[in-house]
Amino acid sequence: MRKSFIQTKPHLVLLLACPIMAVIAWMRRNYSVDVQLYDTFYILRIDLIAEFLITIILITSLLYWLTRNRTGFPQLTAAHVLATIGIALYITSTMGYPPNNAVDTWSTFSPQQYKEWEDMRVRFVGAVVTFGAFQLLLVVNLIVKWLKTA
């Protein structure tokens, strides 16, 4: 069975996704997302979120490169790489609201606007939690790589 490029060189696939994410984040640099933690709202710009995601992807790429001579589960590698890139691109390209909207200007919301704003926050938090959960696949894959050669 022939292995795909994602299974054989996941570090290169992750590296190639970083400039794409950086360009998308640069185009949407004025967009922001707010996250509510208890009674505090944190307003995060999309370009800063993208920098954080790119840093995680670069660290992941380095870990795959360091363990390139060890064999793990190719399906686990492909699932992790595709999910990491896909969710990071989803967060970078679809989340956030543009500048000078009702949230920024403190104007009153219509019920529809409030519902859309609330739904976007829930989708953002769900995407971030899913992104974090898929990073567990990397941990499992690294454990398998170290145990298979031991």
C-alpha atoms as a PDB file:
ATOM      1  CA  MET A   1       0.000   0.000   0.000  1.00  0.00           C
ATOM      2  CA  ARG A   2       1.347   3.381  -0.990  1.00  0.00           C
ATOM      3  CA  LYS A   3       1.468   6.016   1.723  1.00  0.00           C
ATOM      4  CA  SER A   4       0.391   9.560   1.002  1.00  0.00           C
ATOM      5  CA  PHE A   5       2.562  12.651   1.289  1.00  0.00           C
ATOM      6  CA  ILE A   6       0.705  13.597   4.483  1.00  0.00           C
ATOM      7  CA  GLN A   7       1.617  10.278   6.088  1.00  0.00           C
ATOM      8  CA  THR A   8       5.258  10.273   5.014  1.00  0.00           C
ATOM      9  CA  LYS A   9       6.156  13.969   5.450  1.00  0.00           C
ATOM     10  CA  PRO A  10       3.621  15.558   7.807  1.00  0.00           C
ATOM     11  CA  HIS A  11       6.108  18.202   8.874  1.00  0.00           C
ATOM     12  CA  LEU A  12       6.237  19.615   5.325  1.00  0.00           C
ATOM     13  CA  VAL A  13       2.459  19.681   4.996  1.00  0.00           C
ATOM     14  CA  LEU A  14       2.184  21.581   8.266  1.00  0.00           C
ATOM     15  CA  LEU A  15       4.933  23.988   7.194  1.00  0.00           C
ATOM     16  CA  LEU A  16       3.185  24.677   3.893  1.00  0.00           C
ATOM     17  CA  ALA A  17      -0.051  25.550   5.692  1.00  0.00           C
ATOM     18  CA  CYS A  18       1.586  28.285   7.792  1.00  0.00           C
ATOM     19  CA  PRO A  19       2.110  30.888   5.032  1.00  0.00           C
ATOM     20  CA  ILE A  20      -1.450  30.342   3.813  1.00  0.00           C
ATOM     21  CA  MET A  21      -2.776  31.004   7.294  1.00  0.00           C
ATOM     22  CA  ALA A  22      -0.533  34.053   7.634  1.00  0.00           C
ATOM     23  CA  VAL A  23      -1.879  35.571   4.413  1.00  0.00           C
ATOM     24  CA  ILE A  24      -5.485  34.953   5.457  1.00  0.00           C
ATOM     25  CA  ALA A  25      -4.793  36.476   8.878  1.00  0.00           C
ATOM     26  CA  TRP A  26      -3.136  39.486   7.288  1.00  0.00           C
ATOM     27  CA  MET A  27      -6.177  40.070   5.067  1.00  0.00           C
ATOM     28  CA  ARG A  28      -8.499  39.807   8.087  1.00  0.00           C
ATOM     29  CA  ARG A  29      -6.222  41.631  10.566  1.00  0.00           C
ATOM     30  CA  ASN A  30      -8.933  44.083  11.669  1.00  0.00           C
ATOM     31  CA  TYR A  31     -11.422  41.351  12.568  1.00  0.00           C
ATOM     32  CA  SER A  32     -11.788  40.333  16.183  1.00  0.00           C
ATOM     33  CA  VAL A  33     -13.473  37.729  18.342  1.00  0.00           C
ATOM     34  CA  ASP A  34     -14.606  38.095  21.899  1.00  0.00           C
ATOM     35  CA  VAL A  35     -14.565  35.337  24.450  1.00  0.00           C
ATOM     36  CA  GLN A  36     -16.463  35.429  27.703  1.00  0.00           C
ATOM     37  CA  LEU A  37     -14.879  33.843  30.737  1.00  0.00           C
ATOM     38  CA  TYR A  38     -17.214  34.163  33.703  1.00  0.00           C
ATOM     39  CA  ASP A  39     -18.026  37.887  33.823  1.00  0.00           C
ATOM     40  CA  THR A  40     -15.092  39.130  31.725  1.00  0.00           C
ATOM     41  CA  PHE A  41     -14.987  39.578  27.966  1.00  0.00           C
ATOM     42  CA  TYR A  42     -11.654  39.189  26.211  1.00  0.00           C
ATOM     43  CA  ILE A  43     -11.419  40.739  22.756  1.00  0.00           C
ATOM     44  CA  LEU A  44      -8.891  38.927  20.581  1.00  0.00           C
ATOM     45  CA  ARG A  45      -7.813  40.002  17.120  1.00  0.00           C
ATOM     46  CA  ILE A  46      -7.821  37.338  14.427  1.00  0.00           C
ATOM     47  CA  ASP A  47      -4.204  37.985  13.459  1.00  0.00           C
ATOM     48  CA  LEU A  48      -3.084  37.305  17.034  1.00  0.00           C
ATOM     49  CA  ILE A  49      -5.143  34.125  17.176  1.00  0.00           C
ATOM     50  CA  ALA A  50      -3.584  33.066  13.852  1.00  0.00           C
ATOM     51  CA  GLU A  51      -0.092  33.727  15.246  1.00  0.00           C
ATOM     52  CA  PHE A  52      -0.878  31.458  18.184  1.00  0.00           C
ATOM     53  CA  LEU A  53      -2.230  28.725  15.878  1.00  0.00           C
ATOM     54  CA  ILE A  54       0.779  29.038  13.553  1.00  0.00           C
ATOM     55  CA  THR A  55       3.097  28.680  16.548  1.00  0.00           C
ATOM     56  CA  ILE A  56       1.331  25.480  17.580  1.00  0.00           C
ATOM     57  CA  ILE A  57       1.541  24.179  14.005  1.00  0.00           C
ATOM     58  CA  LEU A  58       5.260  24.983  13.819  1.00  0.00           C
ATOM     59  CA  ILE A  59       5.929  23.181  17.114  1.00  0.00           C
ATOM     60  CA  THR A  60       3.917  20.224  15.842  1.00  0.00           C
ATOM     61  CA  SER A  61       5.888  20.229  12.610  1.00  0.00           C
ATOM     62  CA  LEU A  62       9.137  20.225  14.582  1.00  0.00           C
ATOM     63  CA  LEU A  63       7.947  17.257  16.648  1.00  0.00           C
ATOM     64  CA  TYR A  64       7.033  15.323  13.509  1.00  0.00           C
ATOM     65  CA  TRP A  65      10.421  16.172  12.004  1.00  0.00           C
ATOM     66  CA  LEU A  66      12.274  15.010  15.135  1.00  0.00           C
ATOM     67  CA  THR A  67      10.423  11.682  15.058  1.00  0.00           C
ATOM     68  CA  ARG A  68      10.553  11.208  11.270  1.00  0.00           C
ATOM     69  CA  ASN A  69      12.652   8.009  11.522  1.00  0.00           C
ATOM     70  CA  ARG A  70      10.219   6.297  13.866  1.00  0.00           C
ATOM     71  CA  THR A  71       7.080   4.584  12.658  1.00  0.00           C
ATOM     72  CA  GLY A  72       3.695   5.404  14.111  1.00  0.00           C
ATOM     73  CA  PHE A  73       0.164   4.972  12.855  1.00  0.00           C
ATOM     74  CA  PRO A  74      -0.071   6.621   9.420  1.00  0.00           C
ATOM     75  CA  GLN A  75      -3.849   7.020   9.735  1.00  0.00           C
ATOM     76  CA  LEU A  76      -3.410   8.791  13.063  1.00  0.00           C
ATOM     77  CA  THR A  77      -0.841  11.100  11.519  1.00  0.00           C
ATOM     78  CA  ALA A  78      -3.107  11.925   8.575  1.00  0.00           C
ATOM     79  CA  ALA A  79      -6.104  12.547  10.842  1.00  0.00           C
ATOM     80  CA  HIS A  80      -4.080  14.822  13.102  1.00  0.00           C
ATOM     81  CA  VAL A  81      -2.473  16.826  10.295  1.00  0.00           C
ATOM     82  CA  LEU A  82      -5.693  17.299   8.319  1.00  0.00           C
ATOM     83  CA  ALA A  83      -7.731  18.214  11.390  1.00  0.00           C
ATOM     84  CA  THR A  84      -5.103  20.633  12.679  1.00  0.00           C
ATOM     85  CA  ILE A  85      -4.817  22.452   9.368  1.00  0.00           C
ATOM     86  CA  GLY A  86      -8.548  22.380   8.676  1.00  0.00           C
ATOM     87  CA  ILE A  87      -9.642  23.722  12.045  1.00  0.00           C
ATOM     88  CA  ALA A  88      -6.899  26.355  12.107  1.00  0.00           C
ATOM     89  CA  LEU A  89      -7.947  27.568   8.649  1.00  0.00           C
ATOM     90  CA  TYR A  90     -11.592  27.555   9.749  1.00  0.00           C
ATOM     91  CA  ILE A  91     -10.805  29.687  12.793  1.00  0.00           C
ATOM     92  CA  THR A  92      -8.627  32.084  10.816  1.00  0.00           C
ATOM     93  CA  SER A  93     -10.886  32.491   7.793  1.00  0.00           C
ATOM     94  CA  THR A  94     -14.444  32.426   9.148  1.00  0.00           C
ATOM     95  CA  MET A  95     -14.367  33.668  12.720  1.00  0.00           C
ATOM     96  CA  GLY A  96     -14.542  37.247  13.862  1.00  0.00           C
ATOM     97  CA  TYR A  97     -16.584  40.311  13.188  1.00  0.00           C
ATOM     98  CA  PRO A  98     -15.436  43.306  11.142  1.00  0.00           C
ATOM     99  CA  PRO A  99     -14.375  46.591  12.704  1.00  0.00           C
ATOM    100  CA  ASN A 100     -16.904  49.348  13.483  1.00  0.00           C
ATOM    101  CA  ASN A 101     -19.836  47.024  13.991  1.00  0.00           C
ATOM    102  CA  ALA A 102     -22.439  47.113  16.731  1.00  0.00           C
ATOM    103  CA  VAL A 103     -20.146  45.382  19.226  1.00  0.00           C
ATOM    104  CA  ASP A 104     -17.349  47.927  18.787  1.00  0.00           C
ATOM    105  CA  THR A 105     -19.527  51.035  18.667  1.00  0.00           C
ATOM    106  CA  TRP A 106     -21.723  50.078  21.628  1.00  0.00           C
ATOM    107  CA  SER A 107     -24.863  50.630  19.616  1.00  0.00           C
ATOM    108  CA  THR A 108     -27.977  48.653  20.442  1.00  0.00           C
ATOM    109  CA  PHE A 109     -28.371  45.159  19.070  1.00  0.00           C
ATOM    110  CA  SER A 110     -31.419  43.803  17.391  1.00  0.00           C
ATOM    111  CA  PRO A 111     -32.375  40.349  18.667  1.00  0.00           C
ATOM    112  CA  GLN A 112     -31.130  38.877  15.380  1.00  0.00           C
ATOM    113  CA  GLN A 113     -27.735  40.615  15.674  1.00  0.00           C
ATOM    114  CA  TYR A 114     -27.344  39.448  19.257  1.00  0.00           C
ATOM    115  CA  LYS A 115     -28.177  35.870  18.277  1.00  0.00           C
ATOM    116  CA  GLU A 116     -25.610  35.953  15.446  1.00  0.00           C
ATOM    117  CA  TRP A 117     -22.973  37.426  17.770  1.00  0.00           C
ATOM    118  CA  GLU A 118     -23.691  34.805  20.439  1.00  0.00           C
ATOM    119  CA  ASP A 119     -23.615  31.986  17.861  1.00  0.00           C
ATOM    120  CA  MET A 120     -20.246  33.160  16.552  1.00  0.00           C
ATOM    121  CA  ARG A 121     -18.783  33.102  20.067  1.00  0.00           C
ATOM    122  CA  VAL A 122     -20.074  29.570  20.637  1.00  0.00           C
ATOM    123  CA  ARG A 123     -18.683  28.395  17.268  1.00  0.00           C
ATOM    124  CA  PHE A 124     -15.317  29.970  18.056  1.00  0.00           C
ATOM    125  CA  VAL A 125     -15.036  28.314  21.451  1.00  0.00           C
ATOM    126  CA  GLY A 126     -16.185  25.009  19.955  1.00  0.00           C
ATOM    127  CA  ALA A 127     -13.549  25.247  17.216  1.00  0.00           C
ATOM    128  CA  VAL A 128     -10.796  26.055  19.728  1.00  0.00           C
ATOM    129  CA  VAL A 129     -11.810  23.134  21.959  1.00  0.00           C
ATOM    130  CA  THR A 130     -11.913  20.808  18.938  1.00  0.00           C
ATOM    131  CA  PHE A 131      -8.478  22.059  17.833  1.00  0.00           C
ATOM    132  CA  GLY A 132      -7.117  21.287  21.301  1.00  0.00           C
ATOM    133  CA  ALA A 133      -8.746  17.874  21.349  1.00  0.00           C
ATOM    134  CA  PHE A 134      -7.150  16.938  18.040  1.00  0.00           C
ATOM    135  CA  GLN A 135      -3.738  17.825  19.464  1.00  0.00           C
ATOM    136  CA  LEU A 136      -4.181  14.797  21.700  1.00  0.00           C
ATOM    137  CA  LEU A 137      -3.800  12.695  18.539  1.00  0.00           C
ATOM    138  CA  LEU A 138      -0.263  14.048  18.263  1.00  0.00           C
ATOM    139  CA  VAL A 139       0.491  13.006  21.833  1.00  0.00           C
ATOM    140  CA  VAL A 140      -0.904   9.525  21.214  1.00  0.00           C
ATOM    141  CA  ASN A 141       1.030   9.234  17.956  1.00  0.00           C
ATOM    142  CA  LEU A 142       4.284  10.282  19.631  1.00  0.00           C
ATOM    143  CA  ILE A 143       3.736   7.740  22.413  1.00  0.00           C
ATOM    144  CA  VAL A 144       3.110   5.029  19.805  1.00  0.00           C
ATOM    145  CA  LYS A 145       6.259   6.039  17.919  1.00  0.00           C
ATOM    146  CA  TRP A 146       8.380   5.825  21.054  1.00  0.00           C
ATOM    147  CA  LEU A 147       6.875   2.535  22.246  1.00  0.00           C
ATOM    148  CA  LYS A 148       7.150   0.793  18.861  1.00  0.00           C
ATOM    149  CA  THR A 149      10.911   1.277  18.721  1.00  0.00           C
ATOM    150  CA  ALA A 150      11.557   0.549  22.381  1.00  0.00           C
END
